[in-house]
C-alpha atoms as a PDB file:
ATOM      1  CA  UNK A   1      87.397  92.569 102.785  1.00  0.00           C
ATOM      2  CA  UNK A   2      83.827  91.447 102.567  1.00  0.00           C
ATOM      3  CA  UNK A   3      84.458  87.806 103.423  1.00  0.00           C
ATOM      4  CA  UNK A   4      86.297  86.759 106.567  1.00  0.00           C
ATOM      5  CA  UNK A   5      89.309  84.529 106.189  1.00  0.00           C
ATOM      6  CA  UNK A   6      88.936  81.255 108.058  1.00  0.00           C
ATOM      7  CA  UNK A   7      91.789  79.184 109.464  1.00  0.00           C
ATOM      8  CA  UNK A   8      92.226  77.247 106.206  1.00  0.00           C
ATOM      9  CA  UNK A   9      92.533  80.451 104.155  1.00  0.00           C
ATOM     10  CA  UNK A  10      95.024  81.881 106.653  1.00  0.00           C
ATOM     11  CA  UNK A  11      97.069  78.692 106.669  1.00  0.00           C
ATOM     12  CA  UNK A  12      97.108  78.686 102.858  1.00  0.00           C
ATOM     13  CA  UNK A  13      98.296  82.310 102.839  1.00  0.00           C
ATOM     14  CA  UNK A  14     101.067  81.595 105.334  1.00  0.00           C
ATOM     15  CA  UNK A  15     102.359  78.639 103.331  1.00  0.00           C
ATOM     16  CA  UNK A  16     102.127  80.395  99.945  1.00  0.00           C
ATOM     17  CA  UNK A  17     104.107  83.356 101.273  1.00  0.00           C
ATOM     18  CA  UNK A  18     106.902  80.990 102.273  1.00  0.00           C
ATOM     19  CA  UNK A  19     106.814  78.950  99.061  1.00  0.00           C
ATOM     20  CA  UNK A  20     104.829  80.276  96.107  1.00  0.00           C
ATOM     21  CA  UNK A  21     105.951  77.333  93.980  1.00  0.00           C
ATOM     22  CA  UNK A  22     104.425  74.683  96.229  1.00  0.00           C
ATOM     23  CA  UNK A  23     102.242  72.192  94.378  1.00  0.00           C
ATOM     24  CA  UNK A  24      98.521  72.210  95.087  1.00  0.00           C
ATOM     25  CA  UNK A  25      98.799  68.615  96.319  1.00  0.00           C
ATOM     26  CA  UNK A  26     101.526  69.465  98.826  1.00  0.00           C
ATOM     27  CA  UNK A  27      99.659  72.606  99.912  1.00  0.00           C
ATOM     28  CA  UNK A  28      96.451  70.642 100.415  1.00  0.00           C
ATOM     29  CA  UNK A  29      98.323  68.031 102.474  1.00  0.00           C
ATOM     30  CA  UNK A  30      99.835  70.692 104.736  1.00  0.00           C
ATOM     31  CA  UNK A  31      96.530  72.506 105.232  1.00  0.00           C
ATOM     32  CA  UNK A  32      94.454  69.366 105.669  1.00  0.00           C
ATOM     33  CA  UNK A  33      92.104  69.758 102.706  1.00  0.00           C
ATOM     34  CA  UNK A  34      91.395  67.785  99.569  1.00  0.00           C
ATOM     35  CA  UNK A  35      93.260  68.997  96.493  1.00  0.00           C
ATOM     36  CA  UNK A  36      89.996  70.208  94.894  1.00  0.00           C
ATOM     37  CA  UNK A  37      88.951  72.161  98.002  1.00  0.00           C
ATOM     38  CA  UNK A  38      92.426  73.661  98.329  1.00  0.00           C
ATOM     39  CA  UNK A  39      92.473  74.683  94.661  1.00  0.00           C
ATOM     40  CA  UNK A  40      89.045  76.363  95.016  1.00  0.00           C
ATOM     41  CA  UNK A  41      90.250  78.309  98.051  1.00  0.00           C
ATOM     42  CA  UNK A  42      93.439  79.482  96.325  1.00  0.00           C
ATOM     43  CA  UNK A  43      91.384  80.486  93.264  1.00  0.00           C
ATOM     44  CA  UNK A  44      88.977  82.425  95.506  1.00  0.00           C
ATOM     45  CA  UNK A  45      91.844  84.183  97.308  1.00  0.00           C
ATOM     46  CA  UNK A  46      93.239  85.138  93.914  1.00  0.00           C
ATOM     47  CA  UNK A  47      89.901  86.365  92.523  1.00  0.00           C
ATOM     48  CA  UNK A  48      89.195  88.401  95.668  1.00  0.00           C
ATOM     49  CA  UNK A  49      92.514  90.215  95.264  1.00  0.00           C
ATOM     50  CA  UNK A  50      93.960  88.831  98.494  1.00  0.00           C
ATOM     51  CA  UNK A  51      96.730  87.203  96.477  1.00  0.00           C
ATOM     52  CA  UNK A  52      98.154  90.216  94.691  1.00  0.00           C
ATOM     53  CA  UNK A  53     100.581  88.492  92.349  1.00  0.00           C
ATOM     54  CA  UNK A  54     102.831  85.496  91.975  1.00  0.00           C
ATOM     55  CA  UNK A  55     106.519  86.299  91.713  1.00  0.00           C
ATOM     56  CA  UNK A  56     110.065  85.172  92.406  1.00  0.00           C
ATOM     57  CA  UNK A  57     112.464  87.170  94.571  1.00  0.00           C
ATOM     58  CA  UNK A  58     115.883  87.790  93.043  1.00  0.00           C
ATOM     59  CA  UNK A  59     119.083  88.889  94.791  1.00  0.00           C
ATOM     60  CA  UNK A  60     119.766  92.412  93.407  1.00  0.00           C
ATOM     61  CA  UNK A  61     123.533  91.980  93.682  1.00  0.00           C
ATOM     62  CA  UNK A  62     123.369  88.901  91.438  1.00  0.00           C
ATOM     63  CA  UNK A  63     122.161  91.251  88.686  1.00  0.00           C
ATOM     64  CA  UNK A  64     124.718  93.955  89.409  1.00  0.00           C
ATOM     65  CA  UNK A  65     122.613  96.251  91.598  1.00  0.00           C
ATOM     66  CA  UNK A  66     125.143  97.019  94.320  1.00  0.00           C
ATOM     67  CA  UNK A  67     123.439 100.051  95.838  1.00  0.00           C
ATOM     68  CA  UNK A  68     120.126 100.301  97.649  1.00  0.00           C
ATOM     69  CA  UNK A  69     119.015 103.885  98.199  1.00  0.00           C
ATOM     70  CA  UNK A  70     116.131 105.337 100.173  1.00  0.00           C
ATOM     71  CA  UNK A  71     115.190 108.624  98.548  1.00  0.00           C
ATOM     72  CA  UNK A  72     113.001 111.236 100.225  1.00  0.00           C
ATOM     73  CA  UNK A  73     111.383 113.546  97.672  1.00  0.00           C
ATOM     74  CA  UNK A  74     109.592 116.781  98.478  1.00  0.00           C
ATOM     75  CA  UNK A  75     107.447 118.490  95.852  1.00  0.00           C
ATOM     76  CA  UNK A  76     107.239 122.280  95.474  1.00  0.00           C
ATOM     77  CA  UNK A  77     103.546 122.436  96.302  1.00  0.00           C
ATOM     78  CA  UNK A  78     100.925 119.824  96.708  1.00  0.00           C
ATOM     79  CA  UNK A  79      99.459 120.431  93.280  1.00  0.00           C
ATOM     80  CA  UNK A  80      97.406 117.635  91.801  1.00  0.00           C
ATOM     81  CA  UNK A  81      99.196 117.860  88.434  1.00  0.00           C
ATOM     82  CA  UNK A  82     102.669 117.522  89.978  1.00  0.00           C
ATOM     83  CA  UNK A  83     101.542 114.651  92.159  1.00  0.00           C
ATOM     84  CA  UNK A  84      99.999 112.735  89.256  1.00  0.00           C
ATOM     85  CA  UNK A  85     102.986 113.334  86.982  1.00  0.00           C
ATOM     86  CA  UNK A  86     105.472 112.354  89.677  1.00  0.00           C
ATOM     87  CA  UNK A  87     103.623 109.151  90.560  1.00  0.00           C
ATOM     88  CA  UNK A  88     103.166 108.144  86.915  1.00  0.00           C
ATOM     89  CA  UNK A  89     106.859 108.722  86.172  1.00  0.00           C
ATOM     90  CA  UNK A  90     108.037 106.817  89.234  1.00  0.00           C
ATOM     91  CA  UNK A  91     105.853 103.844  88.275  1.00  0.00           C
ATOM     92  CA  UNK A  92     107.712 103.714  84.946  1.00  0.00           C
ATOM     93  CA  UNK A  93     111.228 103.679  86.457  1.00  0.00           C
ATOM     94  CA  UNK A  94     112.336 100.038  86.776  1.00  0.00           C
ATOM     95  CA  UNK A  95     115.000 100.838  89.375  1.00  0.00           C
ATOM     96  CA  UNK A  96     112.311 102.139  91.779  1.00  0.00           C
ATOM     97  CA  UNK A  97     111.148  99.054  93.669  1.00  0.00           C
ATOM     98  CA  UNK A  98     108.801 100.834  96.054  1.00  0.00           C
ATOM     99  CA  UNK A  99     107.330 104.297  96.328  1.00  0.00           C
ATOM    100  CA  UNK A 100     105.220 105.521  99.213  1.00  0.00           C
ATOM    101  CA  UNK A 101     103.401 108.820  99.676  1.00  0.00           C
ATOM    102  CA  UNK A 102     104.244 109.706 103.261  1.00  0.00           C
ATOM    103  CA  UNK A 103     103.717 112.241 106.002  1.00  0.00           C
ATOM    104  CA  UNK A 104     106.559 114.069 107.695  1.00  0.00           C
ATOM    105  CA  UNK A 105     109.595 115.772 106.201  1.00  0.00           C
ATOM    106  CA  UNK A 106     109.058 114.470 102.651  1.00  0.00           C
ATOM    107  CA  UNK A 107     106.151 113.800 100.335  1.00  0.00           C
ATOM    108  CA  UNK A 108     107.478 110.481  98.996  1.00  0.00           C
ATOM    109  CA  UNK A 109     109.950 107.787  99.983  1.00  0.00           C
ATOM    110  CA  UNK A 110     111.381 105.620  97.220  1.00  0.00           C
ATOM    111  CA  UNK A 111     113.446 102.454  97.521  1.00  0.00           C
ATOM    112  CA  UNK A 112     115.771 102.269  94.553  1.00  0.00           C
ATOM    113  CA  UNK A 113     118.313  99.656  93.473  1.00  0.00           C
ATOM    114  CA  UNK A 114     121.081 100.865  91.215  1.00  0.00           C
ATOM    115  CA  UNK A 115     124.433  99.445  90.055  1.00  0.00           C
ATOM    116  CA  UNK A 116     126.770 102.149  91.378  1.00  0.00           C
ATOM    117  CA  UNK A 117     127.168 105.797  92.335  1.00  0.00           C
ATOM    118  CA  UNK A 118     127.643 106.970  88.734  1.00  0.00           C
ATOM    119  CA  UNK A 119     124.380 105.267  87.745  1.00  0.00           C
ATOM    120  CA  UNK A 120     122.679 106.896  90.729  1.00  0.00           C
ATOM    121  CA  UNK A 121     123.938 110.324  89.655  1.00  0.00           C
ATOM    122  CA  UNK A 122     122.507 109.684  86.163  1.00  0.00           C
ATOM    123  CA  UNK A 123     119.210 108.423  87.632  1.00  0.00           C
ATOM    124  CA  UNK A 124     118.831 111.615  89.667  1.00  0.00           C
ATOM    125  CA  UNK A 125     119.850 114.052  86.934  1.00  0.00           C
ATOM    126  CA  UNK A 126     118.020 112.385  84.022  1.00  0.00           C
ATOM    127  CA  UNK A 127     114.920 111.101  85.775  1.00  0.00           C
ATOM    128  CA  UNK A 128     114.109 112.526  89.213  1.00  0.00           C
ATOM    129  CA  UNK A 129     115.373 116.104  88.734  1.00  0.00           C
ATOM    130  CA  UNK A 130     113.589 116.407  85.372  1.00  0.00           C
ATOM    131  CA  UNK A 131     110.168 115.806  86.923  1.00  0.00           C
ATOM    132  CA  UNK A 132     108.027 118.913  87.361  1.00  0.00           C
ATOM    133  CA  UNK A 133     107.438 119.971  90.925  1.00  0.00           C
ATOM    134  CA  UNK A 134     110.442 118.262  92.515  1.00  0.00           C
ATOM    135  CA  UNK A 135     111.763 120.630  95.149  1.00  0.00           C
ATOM    136  CA  UNK A 136     114.135 118.603  97.308  1.00  0.00           C
ATOM    137  CA  UNK A 137     115.731 115.169  97.239  1.00  0.00           C
ATOM    138  CA  UNK A 138     117.516 113.534 100.167  1.00  0.00           C
ATOM    139  CA  UNK A 139     119.257 110.198  99.810  1.00  0.00           C
ATOM    140  CA  UNK A 140     120.140 107.546 102.370  1.00  0.00           C
ATOM    141  CA  UNK A 141     122.295 104.635 101.227  1.00  0.00           C
ATOM    142  CA  UNK A 142     121.806 101.220 102.773  1.00  0.00           C
ATOM    143  CA  UNK A 143     125.034  99.947 104.309  1.00  0.00           C
ATOM    144  CA  UNK A 144     123.754  96.400 104.741  1.00  0.00           C
ATOM    145  CA  UNK A 145     120.481  94.550 104.817  1.00  0.00           C
ATOM    146  CA  UNK A 146     119.436  93.722 108.368  1.00  0.00           C
ATOM    147  CA  UNK A 147     115.994  92.346 107.618  1.00  0.00           C
ATOM    148  CA  UNK A 148     114.093  91.853 104.391  1.00  0.00           C
ATOM    149  CA  UNK A 149     110.718  90.173 104.494  1.00  0.00           C
ATOM    150  CA  UNK A 150     107.901  90.085 102.021  1.00  0.00           C
ATOM    151  CA  UNK A 151     105.512  87.887 103.990  1.00  0.00           C
ATOM    152  CA  UNK A 152     102.602  89.611 105.736  1.00  0.00           C
ATOM    153  CA  UNK A 153     102.147  88.210 109.257  1.00  0.00           C
ATOM    154  CA  UNK A 154      99.287  85.693 109.345  1.00  0.00           C
ATOM    155  CA  UNK A 155      97.509  84.938 112.624  1.00  0.00           C
ATOM    156  CA  UNK A 156      96.684  81.236 112.579  1.00  0.00           C
ATOM    157  CA  UNK A 157      94.649  81.269 115.811  1.00  0.00           C
END
């Protein structure tokens, strides 16, 4: 980041992560700025890419996604073509919520939500196993959610 975040920017970020639907007036009141100054700061944070996107979090089970699976995928070789194809395909799969290229025993870790075991079997056989270069897939099923946060810690000091 080229510009440092001051205490107002950090306070704005903390509040927006807790409530992205807060009105500019209420945000400005909480931060201690005028509404115009607050709006300019939020616009700047957005333009600088510090605010990545505005969204609403939805309970997966409310939409019928009863399983959360962490999938470790290992590719045959670290070939650029396989890597690019794998990453492009994974980006297109709506059930994949996160995908990370990692070090260790796998090349990628995916967090997937899926309705049930039959749907997971179909997801593997029709999507993951059809990708070129996939060598090994290991799955871990979440038993329960212990902690789920989306807010990045903000130091207000």
